[in-house]
Every structure is written in structure tokens, then in C-alpha cells.
Amino acid sequence: MNTVKRLLCFLNHRMGCTTNPTMPFDLTQFLQTSESVYEMSRPFSIEDIDSVIKQMATDKAPGPDGFNGVFLKSCSEIVKTDFYNLCFDFFNGYLDLQSINNSHITLIPKTNNPTND
């Protein structure tokens, strides 16, 4: 018997296990649906993206790329199409976010007497 099965058997024996669980509550009374829930799953619009950029603090960088609100606001005419595509690709699942978790370390050797040469 592998370790996971032994652990599961131990926990079942220790904590108990039921074969016929009952739900004494009507969960529909606790979960209220509203239009705002459906709004959260709809695709981003250009107006949504523009609104968020307008609300960004100018001196804060929200992500690891270091681009702050000043950059996005002042360079919007140059980068807006690429930024919209980035947001749309993220929503549609086409954006590979694995690279956010990667990093590169570069060792820079020290010199005794650095110069600008």
C-alpha cells in the first residue's frame, strides 16, 4: 500500500467517514445571484481597460514589469493596441503566464578601479 493510501486510511479511521452525508441547509438560500456576478465573467471591453488605466495611481507599478501609471497614461497612444491585445489574450487564455514566475540572475564581476571606458 502506498503512502497516500495509508495516510487516507489513517485519517478515515481517526476522523471517521460517512457514506450517506446529509445537507441540513438549503444552499440556494445562502447564494444570491446577481447581475454583478455575471458581469465579472464577461470579456473585457476597451472602455473597461481605459477606465482602469485612468484610475491607476501615477507613481505605483502594479506588476513586475515596472511600468507605472505615468507610463501607461503618457504613452497610451503608442502602446494601447498592444496593451488591449495583452488584456484580451489574458481573458481568452492565450497568454502564457509561466514566464512571470521565472527569473534570471546575472553575476557581474567587480573590478578594483572601475572606469567609464
N, C-alpha and C. Protein backbone atom coordinates (compact mmCIF):
# COMPACT_ATOMS: atom_id res chain seq x y z
N MET A 1 0.86 -1.17 0.00
CA MET A 1 0.00 0.00 0.00
C MET A 1 0.91 1.24 0.00
N ASN A 2 0.62 2.18 -0.90
CA ASN A 2 1.49 3.35 -0.97
C ASN A 2 1.19 4.33 0.18
N THR A 3 2.03 5.33 0.30
CA THR A 3 1.96 6.27 1.41
C THR A 3 0.66 7.05 1.44
N VAL A 4 0.17 7.46 0.26
CA VAL A 4 -1.06 8.25 0.21
C VAL A 4 -2.25 7.43 0.69
N LYS A 5 -2.33 6.18 0.26
CA LYS A 5 -3.44 5.32 0.68
C LYS A 5 -3.38 5.06 2.18
N ARG A 6 -2.16 4.87 2.70
CA ARG A 6 -2.02 4.64 4.15
C ARG A 6 -2.47 5.88 4.93
N LEU A 7 -2.09 7.05 4.45
CA LEU A 7 -2.49 8.29 5.11
C LEU A 7 -4.01 8.45 5.07
N LEU A 8 -4.61 8.17 3.91
CA LEU A 8 -6.06 8.29 3.77
C LEU A 8 -6.78 7.32 4.71
N CYS A 9 -6.30 6.09 4.79
CA CYS A 9 -6.90 5.11 5.70
C CYS A 9 -6.76 5.56 7.16
N PHE A 10 -5.57 6.09 7.50
CA PHE A 10 -5.35 6.58 8.85
C PHE A 10 -6.32 7.70 9.19
N LEU A 11 -6.46 8.67 8.28
CA LEU A 11 -7.36 9.80 8.54
C LEU A 11 -8.82 9.36 8.60
N ASN A 12 -9.23 8.44 7.72
CA ASN A 12 -10.60 7.93 7.77
C ASN A 12 -10.88 7.23 9.10
N HIS A 13 -9.92 6.44 9.56
CA HIS A 13 -10.09 5.74 10.83
C HIS A 13 -10.11 6.74 11.98
N ARG A 14 -9.23 7.73 11.92
CA ARG A 14 -9.10 8.71 13.01
C ARG A 14 -10.28 9.68 13.07
N MET A 15 -10.73 10.14 11.90
CA MET A 15 -11.77 11.18 11.87
C MET A 15 -13.15 10.62 11.57
N GLY A 16 -13.21 9.44 11.01
CA GLY A 16 -14.50 8.87 10.65
C GLY A 16 -14.88 9.22 9.23
N CYS A 17 -15.76 8.45 8.68
CA CYS A 17 -16.17 8.67 7.30
C CYS A 17 -17.63 8.22 7.18
N THR A 18 -18.43 9.00 6.48
CA THR A 18 -19.83 8.63 6.28
C THR A 18 -20.07 8.30 4.83
N THR A 19 -20.99 7.37 4.60
CA THR A 19 -21.31 7.01 3.23
C THR A 19 -22.56 7.72 2.74
N ASN A 20 -23.37 8.24 3.66
CA ASN A 20 -24.60 8.94 3.29
C ASN A 20 -24.63 10.33 3.94
N PRO A 21 -23.81 11.27 3.45
CA PRO A 21 -23.84 12.59 4.07
C PRO A 21 -25.16 13.30 3.77
N THR A 22 -25.62 14.08 4.73
CA THR A 22 -26.84 14.85 4.55
C THR A 22 -26.50 16.33 4.62
N MET A 23 -27.25 17.12 3.89
CA MET A 23 -27.07 18.57 3.90
C MET A 23 -28.27 19.18 4.59
N PRO A 24 -28.11 19.66 5.83
CA PRO A 24 -29.25 20.21 6.55
C PRO A 24 -29.64 21.62 6.10
N PHE A 25 -28.88 22.21 5.18
CA PHE A 25 -29.16 23.57 4.74
C PHE A 25 -29.54 23.59 3.27
N ASP A 26 -30.35 24.53 2.91
CA ASP A 26 -30.66 24.78 1.51
C ASP A 26 -29.68 25.86 1.02
N LEU A 27 -28.67 25.43 0.28
CA LEU A 27 -27.62 26.36 -0.13
C LEU A 27 -28.14 27.49 -1.02
N THR A 28 -29.24 27.29 -1.70
CA THR A 28 -29.77 28.36 -2.55
C THR A 28 -30.21 29.56 -1.74
N GLN A 29 -30.49 29.35 -0.44
CA GLN A 29 -30.84 30.48 0.42
C GLN A 29 -29.62 31.34 0.73
N PHE A 30 -28.44 30.73 0.71
CA PHE A 30 -27.22 31.46 1.04
C PHE A 30 -26.58 32.10 -0.19
N LEU A 31 -26.78 31.52 -1.34
CA LEU A 31 -26.15 32.01 -2.56
C LEU A 31 -27.14 32.86 -3.34
N GLN A 32 -26.88 34.11 -3.41
CA GLN A 32 -27.74 35.01 -4.15
C GLN A 32 -27.05 35.37 -5.47
N THR A 33 -27.71 35.13 -6.57
CA THR A 33 -27.15 35.51 -7.85
C THR A 33 -27.54 36.96 -8.14
N SER A 34 -26.67 37.61 -8.82
CA SER A 34 -26.96 38.98 -9.20
C SER A 34 -26.29 39.26 -10.53
N GLU A 35 -26.64 40.35 -11.11
CA GLU A 35 -26.05 40.72 -12.38
C GLU A 35 -24.55 40.97 -12.24
N SER A 36 -24.12 41.42 -11.07
CA SER A 36 -22.69 41.72 -10.89
C SER A 36 -21.83 40.47 -11.01
N VAL A 37 -22.37 39.31 -10.62
CA VAL A 37 -21.62 38.07 -10.77
C VAL A 37 -21.41 37.76 -12.25
N TYR A 38 -22.42 37.96 -13.04
CA TYR A 38 -22.30 37.70 -14.47
C TYR A 38 -21.40 38.73 -15.14
N GLU A 39 -21.39 39.94 -14.61
CA GLU A 39 -20.52 40.98 -15.15
C GLU A 39 -19.05 40.61 -14.99
N MET A 40 -18.73 39.88 -13.92
CA MET A 40 -17.34 39.52 -13.67
C MET A 40 -16.81 38.52 -14.68
N SER A 41 -17.66 37.76 -15.34
CA SER A 41 -17.20 36.75 -16.27
C SER A 41 -17.32 37.18 -17.73
N ARG A 42 -17.75 38.40 -17.97
CA ARG A 42 -17.85 38.85 -19.35
C ARG A 42 -16.48 39.33 -19.84
N PRO A 43 -16.23 39.31 -21.13
CA PRO A 43 -14.94 39.76 -21.66
C PRO A 43 -14.69 41.23 -21.36
N PHE A 44 -13.41 41.59 -21.27
CA PHE A 44 -13.03 42.99 -21.07
C PHE A 44 -13.43 43.79 -22.30
N SER A 45 -13.82 45.01 -22.08
CA SER A 45 -14.04 45.92 -23.21
C SER A 45 -12.92 46.96 -23.19
N ILE A 46 -12.76 47.64 -24.29
CA ILE A 46 -11.75 48.70 -24.36
C ILE A 46 -12.07 49.78 -23.34
N GLU A 47 -13.35 50.06 -23.15
CA GLU A 47 -13.75 51.07 -22.16
C GLU A 47 -13.37 50.63 -20.74
N ASP A 48 -13.51 49.33 -20.44
CA ASP A 48 -13.12 48.82 -19.13
C ASP A 48 -11.63 49.03 -18.89
N ILE A 49 -10.84 48.69 -19.89
CA ILE A 49 -9.38 48.82 -19.77
C ILE A 49 -8.99 50.28 -19.61
N ASP A 50 -9.58 51.15 -20.44
CA ASP A 50 -9.28 52.59 -20.33
C ASP A 50 -9.66 53.14 -18.97
N SER A 51 -10.79 52.69 -18.43
CA SER A 51 -11.24 53.15 -17.12
C SER A 51 -10.25 52.75 -16.03
N VAL A 52 -9.75 51.53 -16.09
CA VAL A 52 -8.79 51.07 -15.09
C VAL A 52 -7.49 51.86 -15.20
N ILE A 53 -7.04 52.11 -16.41
CA ILE A 53 -5.81 52.89 -16.59
C ILE A 53 -5.98 54.30 -16.05
N LYS A 54 -7.14 54.91 -16.28
CA LYS A 54 -7.38 56.26 -15.75
C LYS A 54 -7.35 56.29 -14.22
N GLN A 55 -7.78 55.20 -13.59
CA GLN A 55 -7.84 55.14 -12.12
C GLN A 55 -6.51 54.75 -11.48
N MET A 56 -5.53 54.32 -12.29
CA MET A 56 -4.25 53.90 -11.75
C MET A 56 -3.51 55.06 -11.09
N ALA A 57 -2.87 54.76 -9.98
CA ALA A 57 -2.01 55.77 -9.36
C ALA A 57 -0.82 56.01 -10.27
N THR A 58 -0.39 57.25 -10.37
CA THR A 58 0.67 57.57 -11.32
C THR A 58 2.04 57.11 -10.85
N ASP A 59 2.24 56.97 -9.54
CA ASP A 59 3.57 56.65 -9.03
C ASP A 59 3.70 55.21 -8.53
N LYS A 60 2.79 54.34 -8.89
CA LYS A 60 2.83 52.95 -8.45
C LYS A 60 2.94 52.03 -9.67
N ALA A 61 3.73 50.97 -9.54
CA ALA A 61 3.85 49.96 -10.59
C ALA A 61 3.07 48.73 -10.14
N PRO A 62 1.95 48.40 -10.80
CA PRO A 62 1.11 47.31 -10.32
C PRO A 62 1.67 45.92 -10.57
N GLY A 63 2.68 45.78 -11.39
CA GLY A 63 3.18 44.45 -11.70
C GLY A 63 4.68 44.38 -11.75
N PRO A 64 5.19 43.21 -12.07
CA PRO A 64 6.64 43.01 -12.06
C PRO A 64 7.37 43.69 -13.21
N ASP A 65 6.64 44.20 -14.20
CA ASP A 65 7.31 44.83 -15.34
C ASP A 65 7.81 46.23 -15.01
N GLY A 66 7.35 46.84 -13.93
CA GLY A 66 7.82 48.15 -13.51
C GLY A 66 7.16 49.31 -14.21
N PHE A 67 6.22 49.07 -15.11
CA PHE A 67 5.54 50.16 -15.79
C PHE A 67 4.48 50.74 -14.86
N ASN A 68 4.60 52.01 -14.56
CA ASN A 68 3.66 52.64 -13.65
C ASN A 68 2.57 53.37 -14.42
N GLY A 69 1.67 54.00 -13.67
CA GLY A 69 0.55 54.71 -14.27
C GLY A 69 0.98 55.85 -15.18
N VAL A 70 2.07 56.52 -14.83
CA VAL A 70 2.56 57.63 -15.67
C VAL A 70 2.90 57.11 -17.06
N PHE A 71 3.60 55.99 -17.11
CA PHE A 71 3.98 55.43 -18.40
C PHE A 71 2.75 55.08 -19.23
N LEU A 72 1.82 54.32 -18.63
CA LEU A 72 0.65 53.89 -19.38
C LEU A 72 -0.22 55.06 -19.83
N LYS A 73 -0.31 56.10 -19.00
CA LYS A 73 -1.13 57.25 -19.36
C LYS A 73 -0.45 58.13 -20.40
N SER A 74 0.83 58.36 -20.26
CA SER A 74 1.50 59.28 -21.18
C SER A 74 1.85 58.62 -22.51
N CYS A 75 2.01 57.32 -22.53
CA CYS A 75 2.37 56.62 -23.78
C CYS A 75 1.21 55.81 -24.33
N SER A 76 0.00 56.12 -23.92
CA SER A 76 -1.15 55.29 -24.30
C SER A 76 -1.34 55.21 -25.82
N GLU A 77 -1.11 56.31 -26.53
CA GLU A 77 -1.30 56.28 -27.98
C GLU A 77 -0.32 55.31 -28.65
N ILE A 78 0.84 55.12 -28.06
CA ILE A 78 1.85 54.24 -28.64
C ILE A 78 1.60 52.78 -28.27
N VAL A 79 1.24 52.52 -27.00
CA VAL A 79 1.16 51.14 -26.50
C VAL A 79 -0.25 50.61 -26.35
N LYS A 80 -1.27 51.42 -26.59
CA LYS A 80 -2.63 50.98 -26.25
C LYS A 80 -3.08 49.74 -27.02
N THR A 81 -2.76 49.64 -28.30
CA THR A 81 -3.18 48.46 -29.07
C THR A 81 -2.54 47.19 -28.52
N ASP A 82 -1.25 47.26 -28.22
CA ASP A 82 -0.57 46.10 -27.64
C ASP A 82 -1.12 45.78 -26.25
N PHE A 83 -1.43 46.82 -25.49
CA PHE A 83 -1.96 46.60 -24.14
C PHE A 83 -3.36 45.99 -24.20
N TYR A 84 -4.20 46.45 -25.11
CA TYR A 84 -5.53 45.86 -25.29
C TYR A 84 -5.39 44.38 -25.67
N ASN A 85 -4.50 44.10 -26.61
CA ASN A 85 -4.31 42.70 -27.04
C ASN A 85 -3.82 41.83 -25.89
N LEU A 86 -2.95 42.38 -25.05
CA LEU A 86 -2.48 41.66 -23.88
C LEU A 86 -3.65 41.30 -22.96
N CYS A 87 -4.53 42.27 -22.70
CA CYS A 87 -5.69 42.03 -21.84
C CYS A 87 -6.64 41.00 -22.46
N PHE A 88 -6.89 41.11 -23.76
CA PHE A 88 -7.79 40.17 -24.43
C PHE A 88 -7.20 38.77 -24.44
N ASP A 89 -5.89 38.66 -24.70
CA ASP A 89 -5.24 37.35 -24.69
C ASP A 89 -5.29 36.73 -23.31
N PHE A 90 -5.12 37.55 -22.27
CA PHE A 90 -5.22 37.05 -20.90
C PHE A 90 -6.61 36.48 -20.64
N PHE A 91 -7.64 37.23 -21.00
CA PHE A 91 -9.01 36.79 -20.74
C PHE A 91 -9.33 35.50 -21.49
N ASN A 92 -8.86 35.39 -22.73
CA ASN A 92 -9.17 34.22 -23.55
C ASN A 92 -8.28 33.03 -23.28
N GLY A 93 -7.31 33.19 -22.37
CA GLY A 93 -6.45 32.06 -22.00
C GLY A 93 -5.32 31.81 -22.97
N TYR A 94 -5.02 32.77 -23.84
CA TYR A 94 -3.94 32.58 -24.81
C TYR A 94 -2.60 33.04 -24.28
N LEU A 95 -2.59 33.74 -23.17
CA LEU A 95 -1.37 34.32 -22.64
C LEU A 95 -0.68 33.33 -21.72
N ASP A 96 0.58 33.06 -21.99
CA ASP A 96 1.35 32.15 -21.16
C ASP A 96 1.92 32.93 -19.99
N LEU A 97 1.39 32.72 -18.80
CA LEU A 97 1.81 33.46 -17.62
C LEU A 97 2.96 32.79 -16.88
N GLN A 98 3.45 31.66 -17.39
CA GLN A 98 4.53 30.94 -16.73
C GLN A 98 5.78 31.81 -16.61
N SER A 99 6.02 32.67 -17.59
CA SER A 99 7.24 33.47 -17.57
C SER A 99 7.27 34.47 -16.41
N ILE A 100 6.12 34.78 -15.82
CA ILE A 100 6.09 35.68 -14.67
C ILE A 100 6.83 35.05 -13.49
N ASN A 101 6.80 33.73 -13.41
CA ASN A 101 7.42 33.03 -12.29
C ASN A 101 8.90 32.73 -12.52
N ASN A 102 9.43 33.08 -13.66
CA ASN A 102 10.84 32.82 -13.96
C ASN A 102 11.67 34.05 -13.67
N SER A 103 12.91 33.83 -13.36
CA SER A 103 13.83 34.95 -13.17
C SER A 103 15.21 34.52 -13.64
N HIS A 104 16.01 35.50 -13.95
CA HIS A 104 17.38 35.25 -14.39
C HIS A 104 18.31 36.04 -13.48
N ILE A 105 19.35 35.37 -13.02
CA ILE A 105 20.33 36.03 -12.18
C ILE A 105 21.61 36.16 -12.99
N THR A 106 22.12 37.36 -13.05
CA THR A 106 23.36 37.61 -13.76
C THR A 106 24.42 38.04 -12.76
N LEU A 107 25.55 37.35 -12.80
CA LEU A 107 26.65 37.72 -11.92
C LEU A 107 27.53 38.73 -12.65
N ILE A 108 27.79 39.85 -12.01
CA ILE A 108 28.63 40.89 -12.59
C ILE A 108 29.90 40.96 -11.76
N PRO A 109 31.03 40.65 -12.38
CA PRO A 109 32.28 40.66 -11.59
C PRO A 109 32.66 42.09 -11.18
N LYS A 110 33.18 42.21 -9.99
CA LYS A 110 33.63 43.52 -9.50
C LYS A 110 35.04 43.79 -10.01
N THR A 111 35.32 45.04 -10.20
CA THR A 111 36.69 45.45 -10.56
C THR A 111 37.20 46.37 -9.46
N ASN A 112 38.51 46.35 -9.28
CA ASN A 112 39.10 47.16 -8.22
C ASN A 112 38.99 48.65 -8.49
N ASN A 113 39.22 49.08 -9.72
CA ASN A 113 39.17 50.51 -10.07
C ASN A 113 38.27 50.70 -11.29
N PRO A 114 36.97 50.80 -11.06
CA PRO A 114 36.08 50.94 -12.22
C PRO A 114 36.28 52.27 -12.91
N THR A 115 36.12 52.23 -14.23
CA THR A 115 36.22 53.47 -15.05
C THR A 115 35.06 53.48 -16.02
N ASN A 116 34.86 54.59 -16.69
CA ASN A 116 33.78 54.72 -17.66
C ASN A 116 34.21 54.32 -19.07
N ASP A 117 35.34 53.67 -19.22
CA ASP A 117 35.84 53.31 -20.57
C ASP A 117 35.01 52.28 -21.25
